Amino acid sequence: PSGAGKSTISRLLFRFYDVQGGQVLIDGQDIRDVTQESLRAVLGMVPQDTVLFNDTIAYNIRYGRIGASEEEVRKAAELAQIGPFIDKLPEGYKSMVGE
């Protein structure tokens, strides 16, 4: 339901901001003691709104895993069934998208 705190808990889990009172525990471990990088390596989130960063298609795909190789980016695009479309673009994965 609206106003139940879904967005707030997701922001806390991903440490977009830290807990001001009490604590958030995952398997008994306070998330304030865990790096954002570690949390994001084991947690996934699908936001309600889609976001395209003002950058390349490759950057936007890689956003979910910054260290992804070019081959991994291409595989992700293929799995999402958008690879053939990207390949037809004049600049392919280097095409700029966003607002």
PDB file of N, CA and C in Angstrom:
ATOM      1  N   PRO A   1       0.817  -1.202   0.000  1.00  0.00           N
ATOM      2  CA  PRO A   1       0.000   0.000   0.000  1.00  0.00           C
ATOM      3  C   PRO A   1       0.858   1.263   0.000  1.00  0.00           C
ATOM      4  N   SER A   2       0.285   2.320  -0.484  1.00  0.00           N
ATOM      5  CA  SER A   2       0.973   3.604  -0.539  1.00  0.00           C
ATOM      6  C   SER A   2       1.295   4.092   0.874  1.00  0.00           C
ATOM      7  N   GLY A   3       2.525   4.594   1.054  1.00  0.00           N
ATOM      8  CA  GLY A   3       2.910   5.147   2.348  1.00  0.00           C
ATOM      9  C   GLY A   3       3.348   4.129   3.381  1.00  0.00           C
ATOM     10  N   ALA A   4       3.521   2.870   2.970  1.00  0.00           N
ATOM     11  CA  ALA A   4       3.899   1.817   3.921  1.00  0.00           C
ATOM     12  C   ALA A   4       5.394   1.792   4.221  1.00  0.00           C
ATOM     13  N   GLY A   5       6.194   2.516   3.445  1.00  0.00           N
ATOM     14  CA  GLY A   5       7.631   2.576   3.710  1.00  0.00           C
ATOM     15  C   GLY A   5       8.489   1.711   2.807  1.00  0.00           C
ATOM     16  N   LYS A   6       7.921   1.242   1.691  1.00  0.00           N
ATOM     17  CA  LYS A   6       8.689   0.378   0.777  1.00  0.00           C
ATOM     18  C   LYS A   6       9.919   1.100   0.230  1.00  0.00           C
ATOM     19  N   SER A   7       9.748   2.321  -0.206  1.00  0.00           N
ATOM     20  CA  SER A   7      10.879   3.082  -0.744  1.00  0.00           C
ATOM     21  C   SER A   7      11.898   3.381   0.345  1.00  0.00           C
ATOM     22  N   THR A   8      11.420   3.686   1.530  1.00  0.00           N
ATOM     23  CA  THR A   8      12.331   3.989   2.643  1.00  0.00           C
ATOM     24  C   THR A   8      13.183   2.784   2.993  1.00  0.00           C
ATOM     25  N   ILE A   9      12.582   1.616   3.117  1.00  0.00           N
ATOM     26  CA  ILE A   9      13.361   0.430   3.481  1.00  0.00           C
ATOM     27  C   ILE A   9      14.359   0.075   2.384  1.00  0.00           C
ATOM     28  N   SER A  10      13.987   0.259   1.124  1.00  0.00           N
ATOM     29  CA  SER A  10      14.939  -0.042   0.053  1.00  0.00           C
ATOM     30  C   SER A  10      16.107   0.940   0.086  1.00  0.00           C
ATOM     31  N   ARG A  11      15.847   2.184   0.388  1.00  0.00           N
ATOM     32  CA  ARG A  11      16.935   3.174   0.491  1.00  0.00           C
ATOM     33  C   ARG A  11      17.851   2.862   1.667  1.00  0.00           C
ATOM     34  N   LEU A  12      17.272   2.385   2.756  1.00  0.00           N
ATOM     35  CA  LEU A  12      18.087   1.994   3.910  1.00  0.00           C
ATOM     36  C   LEU A  12      18.923   0.761   3.591  1.00  0.00           C
ATOM     37  N   LEU A  13      18.319  -0.228   2.929  1.00  0.00           N
ATOM     38  CA  LEU A  13      19.047  -1.452   2.589  1.00  0.00           C
ATOM     39  C   LEU A  13      20.231  -1.179   1.680  1.00  0.00           C
ATOM     40  N   PHE A  14      20.081  -0.241   0.766  1.00  0.00           N
ATOM     41  CA  PHE A  14      21.164   0.081  -0.162  1.00  0.00           C
ATOM     42  C   PHE A  14      22.071   1.192   0.368  1.00  0.00           C
ATOM     43  N   ARG A  15      21.800   1.620   1.600  1.00  0.00           N
ATOM     44  CA  ARG A  15      22.600   2.635   2.289  1.00  0.00           C
ATOM     45  C   ARG A  15      22.676   3.941   1.516  1.00  0.00           C
ATOM     46  N   PHE A  16      21.555   4.307   0.881  1.00  0.00           N
ATOM     47  CA  PHE A  16      21.481   5.636   0.288  1.00  0.00           C
ATOM     48  C   PHE A  16      21.502   6.665   1.416  1.00  0.00           C
ATOM     49  N   TYR A  17      20.999   6.252   2.577  1.00  0.00           N
ATOM     50  CA  TYR A  17      21.208   7.001   3.812  1.00  0.00           C
ATOM     51  C   TYR A  17      21.202   6.006   4.956  1.00  0.00           C
ATOM     52  N   ASP A  18      21.809   6.395   6.077  1.00  0.00           N
ATOM     53  CA  ASP A  18      21.951   5.490   7.212  1.00  0.00           C
ATOM     54  C   ASP A  18      20.797   5.644   8.193  1.00  0.00           C
ATOM     55  N   VAL A  19      20.570   4.594   8.945  1.00  0.00           N
ATOM     56  CA  VAL A  19      19.531   4.553   9.962  1.00  0.00           C
ATOM     57  C   VAL A  19      19.842   5.609  11.021  1.00  0.00           C
ATOM     58  N   GLN A  20      18.833   6.383  11.397  1.00  0.00           N
ATOM     59  CA  GLN A  20      19.021   7.417  12.418  1.00  0.00           C
ATOM     60  C   GLN A  20      18.673   6.910  13.816  1.00  0.00           C
ATOM     61  N   GLY A  21      17.804   5.917  13.890  1.00  0.00           N
ATOM     62  CA  GLY A  21      17.427   5.337  15.180  1.00  0.00           C
ATOM     63  C   GLY A  21      17.199   3.856  15.008  1.00  0.00           C
ATOM     64  N   GLY A  22      17.711   3.058  15.921  1.00  0.00           N
ATOM     65  CA  GLY A  22      17.591   1.612  15.784  1.00  0.00           C
ATOM     66  C   GLY A  22      18.642   1.082  14.832  1.00  0.00           C
ATOM     67  N   GLN A  23      18.366  -0.069  14.250  1.00  0.00           N
ATOM     68  CA  GLN A  23      19.318  -0.665  13.324  1.00  0.00           C
ATOM     69  C   GLN A  23      18.602  -1.562  12.323  1.00  0.00           C
ATOM     70  N   VAL A  24      19.238  -1.760  11.193  1.00  0.00           N
ATOM     71  CA  VAL A  24      18.762  -2.695  10.181  1.00  0.00           C
ATOM     72  C   VAL A  24      19.769  -3.830  10.154  1.00  0.00           C
ATOM     73  N   LEU A  25      19.278  -5.040  10.394  1.00  0.00           N
ATOM     74  CA  LEU A  25      20.147  -6.212  10.432  1.00  0.00           C
ATOM     75  C   LEU A  25      19.847  -7.133   9.265  1.00  0.00           C
ATOM     76  N   ILE A  26      20.893  -7.667   8.674  1.00  0.00           N
ATOM     77  CA  ILE A  26      20.763  -8.716   7.673  1.00  0.00           C
ATOM     78  C   ILE A  26      21.546  -9.898   8.207  1.00  0.00           C
ATOM     79  N   ASP A  27      20.835 -10.979   8.492  1.00  0.00           N
ATOM     80  CA  ASP A  27      21.456 -12.176   9.065  1.00  0.00           C
ATOM     81  C   ASP A  27      22.259 -11.820  10.318  1.00  0.00           C
ATOM     82  N   GLY A  28      21.707 -10.917  11.130  1.00  0.00           N
ATOM     83  CA  GLY A  28      22.326 -10.531  12.387  1.00  0.00           C
ATOM     84  C   GLY A  28      23.419  -9.485  12.288  1.00  0.00           C
ATOM     85  N   GLN A  29      23.725  -9.023  11.086  1.00  0.00           N
ATOM     86  CA  GLN A  29      24.799  -8.044  10.902  1.00  0.00           C
ATOM     87  C   GLN A  29      24.209  -6.674  10.595  1.00  0.00           C
ATOM     88  N   ASP A  30      24.654  -5.678  11.350  1.00  0.00           N
ATOM     89  CA  ASP A  30      24.207  -4.299  11.149  1.00  0.00           C
ATOM     90  C   ASP A  30      24.729  -3.811   9.797  1.00  0.00           C
ATOM     91  N   ILE A  31      23.831  -3.330   8.945  1.00  0.00           N
ATOM     92  CA  ILE A  31      24.266  -2.924   7.604  1.00  0.00           C
ATOM     93  C   ILE A  31      25.178  -1.708   7.627  1.00  0.00           C
ATOM     94  N   ARG A  32      25.200  -0.973   8.742  1.00  0.00           N
ATOM     95  CA  ARG A  32      26.129   0.159   8.832  1.00  0.00           C
ATOM     96  C   ARG A  32      27.578  -0.316   8.874  1.00  0.00           C
ATOM     97  N   ASP A  33      27.777  -1.602   9.204  1.00  0.00           N
ATOM     98  CA  ASP A  33      29.125  -2.171   9.265  1.00  0.00           C
ATOM     99  C   ASP A  33      29.542  -2.813   7.945  1.00  0.00           C
ATOM    100  N   VAL A  34      28.700  -2.686   6.928  1.00  0.00           N
ATOM    101  CA  VAL A  34      28.952  -3.303   5.620  1.00  0.00           C
ATOM    102  C   VAL A  34      29.068  -2.188   4.581  1.00  0.00           C
ATOM    103  N   THR A  35      29.995  -2.324   3.655  1.00  0.00           N
ATOM    104  CA  THR A  35      30.161  -1.295   2.624  1.00  0.00           C
ATOM    105  C   THR A  35      28.998  -1.335   1.635  1.00  0.00           C
ATOM    106  N   GLN A  36      28.759  -0.195   0.997  1.00  0.00           N
ATOM    107  CA  GLN A  36      27.736  -0.154  -0.052  1.00  0.00           C
ATOM    108  C   GLN A  36      28.066  -1.158  -1.145  1.00  0.00           C
ATOM    109  N   GLU A  37      29.320  -1.252  -1.506  1.00  0.00           N
ATOM    110  CA  GLU A  37      29.736  -2.172  -2.564  1.00  0.00           C
ATOM    111  C   GLU A  37      29.373  -3.613  -2.208  1.00  0.00           C
ATOM    112  N   SER A  38      29.618  -4.016  -0.960  1.00  0.00           N
ATOM    113  CA  SER A  38      29.288  -5.375  -0.526  1.00  0.00           C
ATOM    114  C   SER A  38      27.784  -5.617  -0.562  1.00  0.00           C
ATOM    115  N   LEU A  39      27.022  -4.645  -0.090  1.00  0.00           N
ATOM    116  CA  LEU A  39      25.567  -4.788  -0.096  1.00  0.00           C
ATOM    117  C   LEU A  39      25.032  -4.924  -1.512  1.00  0.00           C
ATOM    118  N   ARG A  40      25.527  -4.089  -2.388  1.00  0.00           N
ATOM    119  CA  ARG A  40      25.027  -4.093  -3.764  1.00  0.00           C
ATOM    120  C   ARG A  40      25.462  -5.326  -4.533  1.00  0.00           C
ATOM    121  N   ALA A  41      26.500  -6.000  -4.047  1.00  0.00           N
ATOM    122  CA  ALA A  41      26.944  -7.238  -4.696  1.00  0.00           C
ATOM    123  C   ALA A  41      26.002  -8.397  -4.387  1.00  0.00           C
ATOM    124  N   VAL A  42      25.264  -8.304  -3.268  1.00  0.00           N
ATOM    125  CA  VAL A  42      24.408  -9.426  -2.871  1.00  0.00           C
ATOM    126  C   VAL A  42      22.917  -9.096  -2.866  1.00  0.00           C
ATOM    127  N   LEU A  43      22.573  -7.822  -3.004  1.00  0.00           N
ATOM    128  CA  LEU A  43      21.172  -7.419  -3.030  1.00  0.00           C
ATOM    129  C   LEU A  43      20.822  -6.863  -4.399  1.00  0.00           C
ATOM    130  N   GLY A  44      19.606  -7.080  -4.806  1.00  0.00           N
ATOM    131  CA  GLY A  44      19.128  -6.512  -6.059  1.00  0.00           C
ATOM    132  C   GLY A  44      17.832  -5.761  -5.818  1.00  0.00           C
ATOM    133  N   MET A  45      17.584  -4.763  -6.631  1.00  0.00           N
ATOM    134  CA  MET A  45      16.365  -3.984  -6.493  1.00  0.00           C
ATOM    135  C   MET A  45      15.887  -3.576  -7.879  1.00  0.00           C
ATOM    136  N   VAL A  46      14.601  -3.652  -8.077  1.00  0.00           N
ATOM    137  CA  VAL A  46      13.997  -3.174  -9.319  1.00  0.00           C
ATOM    138  C   VAL A  46      13.145  -1.965  -8.952  1.00  0.00           C
ATOM    139  N   PRO A  47      13.590  -0.759  -9.323  1.00  0.00           N
ATOM    140  CA  PRO A  47      12.833   0.443  -8.954  1.00  0.00           C
ATOM    141  C   PRO A  47      11.512   0.533  -9.710  1.00  0.00           C
ATOM    142  N   GLN A  48      10.587   1.297  -9.151  1.00  0.00           N
ATOM    143  CA  GLN A  48       9.289   1.485  -9.792  1.00  0.00           C
ATOM    144  C   GLN A  48       9.411   2.301 -11.068  1.00  0.00           C
ATOM    145  N   ASP A  49      10.294   3.267 -11.064  1.00  0.00           N
ATOM    146  CA  ASP A  49      10.482   4.132 -12.221  1.00  0.00           C
ATOM    147  C   ASP A  49      11.731   3.712 -12.980  1.00  0.00           C
ATOM    148  N   THR A  50      11.660   3.788 -14.292  1.00  0.00           N
ATOM    149  CA  THR A  50      12.848   3.488 -15.085  1.00  0.00           C
ATOM    150  C   THR A  50      13.709   4.739 -15.183  1.00  0.00           C
ATOM    151  N   VAL A  51      15.001   4.518 -15.197  1.00  0.00           N
ATOM    152  CA  VAL A  51      15.943   5.629 -15.272  1.00  0.00           C
ATOM    153  C   VAL A  51      16.965   5.320 -16.347  1.00  0.00           C
ATOM    154  N   LEU A  52      17.192   6.267 -17.229  1.00  0.00           N
ATOM    155  CA  LEU A  52      18.295   6.178 -18.185  1.00  0.00           C
ATOM    156  C   LEU A  52      19.235   7.327 -17.882  1.00  0.00           C
ATOM    157  N   PHE A  53      20.475   6.984 -17.592  1.00  0.00           N
ATOM    158  CA  PHE A  53      21.468   8.020 -17.347  1.00  0.00           C
ATOM    159  C   PHE A  53      21.883   8.636 -18.671  1.00  0.00           C
ATOM    160  N   ASN A  54      22.215   9.894 -18.652  1.00  0.00           N
ATOM    161  CA  ASN A  54      22.645  10.602 -19.847  1.00  0.00           C
ATOM    162  C   ASN A  54      24.069  10.158 -20.176  1.00  0.00           C
ATOM    163  N   ASP A  55      24.173   8.987 -20.755  1.00  0.00           N
ATOM    164  CA  ASP A  55      25.465   8.367 -21.057  1.00  0.00           C
ATOM    165  C   ASP A  55      25.224   7.312 -22.131  1.00  0.00           C
ATOM    166  N   THR A  56      26.182   6.449 -22.349  1.00  0.00           N
ATOM    167  CA  THR A  56      26.052   5.434 -23.394  1.00  0.00           C
ATOM    168  C   THR A  56      25.138   4.293 -22.958  1.00  0.00           C
ATOM    169  N   ILE A  57      24.691   3.539 -23.949  1.00  0.00           N
ATOM    170  CA  ILE A  57      23.901   2.348 -23.656  1.00  0.00           C
ATOM    171  C   ILE A  57      24.725   1.396 -22.800  1.00  0.00           C
ATOM    172  N   ALA A  58      25.996   1.230 -23.141  1.00  0.00           N
ATOM    173  CA  ALA A  58      26.867   0.335 -22.369  1.00  0.00           C
ATOM    174  C   ALA A  58      26.943   0.778 -20.913  1.00  0.00           C
ATOM    175  N   TYR A  59      27.085   2.073 -20.670  1.00  0.00           N
ATOM    176  CA  TYR A  59      27.150   2.578 -19.294  1.00  0.00           C
ATOM    177  C   TYR A  59      25.865   2.239 -18.552  1.00  0.00           C
ATOM    178  N   ASN A  60      24.727   2.445 -19.188  1.00  0.00           N
ATOM    179  CA  ASN A  60      23.449   2.178 -18.543  1.00  0.00           C
ATOM    180  C   ASN A  60      23.280   0.701 -18.220  1.00  0.00           C
ATOM    181  N   ILE A  61      23.733  -0.171 -19.097  1.00  0.00           N
ATOM    182  CA  ILE A  61      23.664  -1.609 -18.814  1.00  0.00           C
ATOM    183  C   ILE A  61      24.645  -1.955 -17.697  1.00  0.00           C
ATOM    184  N   ARG A  62      25.816  -1.379 -17.768  1.00  0.00           N
ATOM    185  CA  ARG A  62      26.883  -1.670 -16.802  1.00  0.00           C
ATOM    186  C   ARG A  62      26.579  -1.109 -15.412  1.00  0.00           C
ATOM    187  N   TYR A  63      25.636  -0.206 -15.303  1.00  0.00           N
ATOM    188  CA  TYR A  63      25.314   0.428 -14.026  1.00  0.00           C
ATOM    189  C   TYR A  63      25.037  -0.605 -12.938  1.00  0.00           C
ATOM    190  N   GLY A  64      24.409  -1.699 -13.297  1.00  0.00           N
ATOM    191  CA  GLY A  64      24.111  -2.744 -12.319  1.00  0.00           C
ATOM    192  C   GLY A  64      25.335  -3.504 -11.855  1.00  0.00           C
ATOM    193  N   ARG A  65      26.414  -3.422 -12.623  1.00  0.00           N
ATOM    194  CA  ARG A  65      27.666  -4.097 -12.274  1.00  0.00           C
ATOM    195  C   ARG A  65      28.797  -3.332 -12.943  1.00  0.00           C
ATOM    196  N   ILE A  66      29.292  -2.335 -12.252  1.00  0.00           N
ATOM    197  CA  ILE A  66      30.240  -1.377 -12.821  1.00  0.00           C
ATOM    198  C   ILE A  66      31.447  -2.047 -13.466  1.00  0.00           C
ATOM    199  N   GLY A  67      31.925  -3.135 -12.913  1.00  0.00           N
ATOM    200  CA  GLY A  67      33.124  -3.786 -13.442  1.00  0.00           C
ATOM    201  C   GLY A  67      32.868  -4.758 -14.575  1.00  0.00           C
ATOM    202  N   ALA A  68      31.643  -4.795 -15.109  1.00  0.00           N
ATOM    203  CA  ALA A  68      31.306  -5.758 -16.161  1.00  0.00           C
ATOM    204  C   ALA A  68      32.135  -5.514 -17.420  1.00  0.00           C
ATOM    205  N   SER A  69      32.595  -6.602 -18.004  1.00  0.00           N
ATOM    206  CA  SER A  69      33.364  -6.511 -19.248  1.00  0.00           C
ATOM    207  C   SER A  69      32.422  -6.204 -20.410  1.00  0.00           C
ATOM    208  N   GLU A  70      33.007  -5.860 -21.549  1.00  0.00           N
ATOM    209  CA  GLU A  70      32.202  -5.599 -22.747  1.00  0.00           C
ATOM    210  C   GLU A  70      31.397  -6.846 -23.115  1.00  0.00           C
ATOM    211  N   GLU A  71      32.019  -8.005 -22.985  1.00  0.00           N
ATOM    212  CA  GLU A  71      31.331  -9.261 -23.295  1.00  0.00           C
ATOM    213  C   GLU A  71      30.145  -9.479 -22.355  1.00  0.00           C
ATOM    214  N   GLU A  72      30.312  -9.164 -21.079  1.00  0.00           N
ATOM    215  CA  GLU A  72      29.215  -9.323 -20.120  1.00  0.00           C
ATOM    216  C   GLU A  72      28.085  -8.337 -20.403  1.00  0.00           C
ATOM    217  N   VAL A  73      28.437  -7.138 -20.828  1.00  0.00           N
ATOM    218  CA  VAL A  73      27.422  -6.146 -21.194  1.00  0.00           C
ATOM    219  C   VAL A  73      26.617  -6.662 -22.383  1.00  0.00           C
ATOM    220  N   ARG A  74      27.310  -7.195 -23.382  1.00  0.00           N
ATOM    221  CA  ARG A  74      26.626  -7.739 -24.562  1.00  0.00           C
ATOM    222  C   ARG A  74      25.730  -8.925 -24.186  1.00  0.00           C
ATOM    223  N   LYS A  75      26.211  -9.776 -23.299  1.00  0.00           N
ATOM    224  CA  LYS A  75      25.412 -10.929 -22.873  1.00  0.00           C
ATOM    225  C   LYS A  75      24.151 -10.463 -22.143  1.00  0.00           C
ATOM    226  N   ALA A  76      24.289  -9.453 -21.280  1.00  0.00           N
ATOM    227  CA  ALA A  76      23.128  -8.912 -20.573  1.00  0.00           C
ATOM    228  C   ALA A  76      22.104  -8.361 -21.562  1.00  0.00           C
ATOM    229  N   ALA A  77      22.585  -7.669 -22.590  1.00  0.00           N
ATOM    230  CA  ALA A  77      21.687  -7.121 -23.616  1.00  0.00           C
ATOM    231  C   ALA A  77      20.987  -8.244 -24.373  1.00  0.00           C
ATOM    232  N   GLU A  78      21.724  -9.295 -24.676  1.00  0.00           N
ATOM    233  CA  GLU A  78      21.125 -10.440 -25.375  1.00  0.00           C
ATOM    234  C   GLU A  78      20.045 -11.090 -24.507  1.00  0.00           C
ATOM    235  N   LEU A  79      20.341 -11.273 -23.223  1.00  0.00           N
ATOM    236  CA  LEU A  79      19.365 -11.881 -22.311  1.00  0.00           C
ATOM    237  C   LEU A  79      18.109 -11.022 -22.178  1.00  0.00           C
ATOM    238  N   ALA A  80      18.290  -9.702 -22.291  1.00  0.00           N
ATOM    239  CA  ALA A  80      17.153  -8.780 -22.233  1.00  0.00           C
ATOM    240  C   ALA A  80      16.475  -8.629 -23.595  1.00  0.00           C
ATOM    241  N   GLN A  81      16.997  -9.344 -24.584  1.00  0.00           N
ATOM    242  CA  GLN A  81      16.462  -9.355 -25.946  1.00  0.00           C
ATOM    243  C   GLN A  81      16.501  -7.975 -26.607  1.00  0.00           C
ATOM    244  N   ILE A  82      17.525  -7.193 -26.280  1.00  0.00           N
ATOM    245  CA  ILE A  82      17.690  -5.878 -26.911  1.00  0.00           C
ATOM    246  C   ILE A  82      18.978  -5.801 -27.715  1.00  0.00           C
ATOM    247  N   GLY A  83      19.804  -6.835 -27.637  1.00  0.00           N
ATOM    248  CA  GLY A  83      21.080  -6.853 -28.343  1.00  0.00           C
ATOM    249  C   GLY A  83      20.970  -6.566 -29.833  1.00  0.00           C
ATOM    250  N   PRO A  84      20.082  -7.248 -30.571  1.00  0.00           N
ATOM    251  CA  PRO A  84      19.961  -6.990 -32.012  1.00  0.00           C
ATOM    252  C   PRO A  84      19.595  -5.536 -32.325  1.00  0.00           C
ATOM    253  N   PHE A  85      18.744  -4.937 -31.502  1.00  0.00           N
ATOM    254  CA  PHE A  85      18.380  -3.529 -31.702  1.00  0.00           C
ATOM    255  C   PHE A  85      19.605  -2.635 -31.522  1.00  0.00           C
ATOM    256  N   ILE A  86      20.372  -2.875 -30.450  1.00  0.00           N
ATOM    257  CA  ILE A  86      21.565  -2.061 -30.179  1.00  0.00           C
ATOM    258  C   ILE A  86      22.568  -2.203 -31.317  1.00  0.00           C
ATOM    259  N   ASP A  87      22.740  -3.426 -31.804  1.00  0.00           N
ATOM    260  CA  ASP A  87      23.699  -3.669 -32.887  1.00  0.00           C
ATOM    261  C   ASP A  87      23.350  -2.902 -34.161  1.00  0.00           C
ATOM    262  N   LYS A  88      22.075  -2.586 -34.368  1.00  0.00           N
ATOM    263  CA  LYS A  88      21.648  -1.855 -35.564  1.00  0.00           C
ATOM    264  C   LYS A  88      21.877  -0.346 -35.449  1.00  0.00           C
ATOM    265  N   LEU A  89      22.118   0.143 -34.251  1.00  0.00           N
ATOM    266  CA  LEU A  89      22.351   1.579 -34.066  1.00  0.00           C
ATOM    267  C   LEU A  89      23.706   1.960 -34.644  1.00  0.00           C
ATOM    268  N   PRO A  90      23.828   3.155 -35.231  1.00  0.00           N
ATOM    269  CA  PRO A  90      25.100   3.567 -35.843  1.00  0.00           C
ATOM    270  C   PRO A  90      26.297   3.470 -34.893  1.00  0.00           C
ATOM    271  N   GLU A  91      26.087   3.799 -33.623  1.00  0.00           N
ATOM    272  CA  GLU A  91      27.193   3.740 -32.667  1.00  0.00           C
ATOM    273  C   GLU A  91      27.069   2.573 -31.695  1.00  0.00           C
ATOM    274  N   GLY A  92      26.116   1.675 -31.951  1.00  0.00           N
ATOM    275  CA  GLY A  92      25.968   0.480 -31.129  1.00  0.00           C
ATOM    276  C   GLY A  92      25.905   0.786 -29.642  1.00  0.00           C
ATOM    277  N   TYR A  93      26.720   0.088 -28.884  1.00  0.00           N
ATOM    278  CA  TYR A  93      26.729   0.233 -27.430  1.00  0.00           C
ATOM    279  C   TYR A  93      27.291   1.577 -26.975  1.00  0.00           C
ATOM    280  N   LYS A  94      27.903   2.312 -27.891  1.00  0.00           N
ATOM    281  CA  LYS A  94      28.433   3.648 -27.569  1.00  0.00           C
ATOM    282  C   LYS A  94      27.408   4.743 -27.844  1.00  0.00           C
ATOM    283  N   SER A  95      26.213   4.356 -28.285  1.00  0.00           N
ATOM    284  CA  SER A  95      25.142   5.328 -28.541  1.00  0.00           C
ATOM    285  C   SER A  95      24.736   6.001 -27.236  1.00  0.00           C
ATOM    286  N   MET A  96      24.534   7.306 -27.315  1.00  0.00           N
ATOM    287  CA  MET A  96      24.114   8.071 -26.141  1.00  0.00           C
ATOM    288  C   MET A  96      22.605   7.946 -25.950  1.00  0.00           C
ATOM    289  N   VAL A  97      22.200   7.810 -24.707  1.00  0.00           N
ATOM    290  CA  VAL A  97      20.781   7.755 -24.347  1.00  0.00           C
ATOM    291  C   VAL A  97      20.580   8.624 -23.112  1.00  0.00           C
ATOM    292  N   GLY A  98      19.365   8.781 -22.694  1.00  0.00           N
ATOM    293  CA  GLY A  98      19.075   9.552 -21.484  1.00  0.00           C
ATOM    294  C   GLY A  98      18.319  10.809 -21.810  1.00  0.00           C
ATOM    295  N   GLU A  99      18.262  11.646 -20.818  1.00  0.00           N
ATOM    296  CA  GLU A  99      17.472  12.874 -20.946  1.00  0.00           C
ATOM    297  C   GLU A  99      18.343  14.067 -21.226  1.00  0.00           C
TER     298      GLU A  99
END
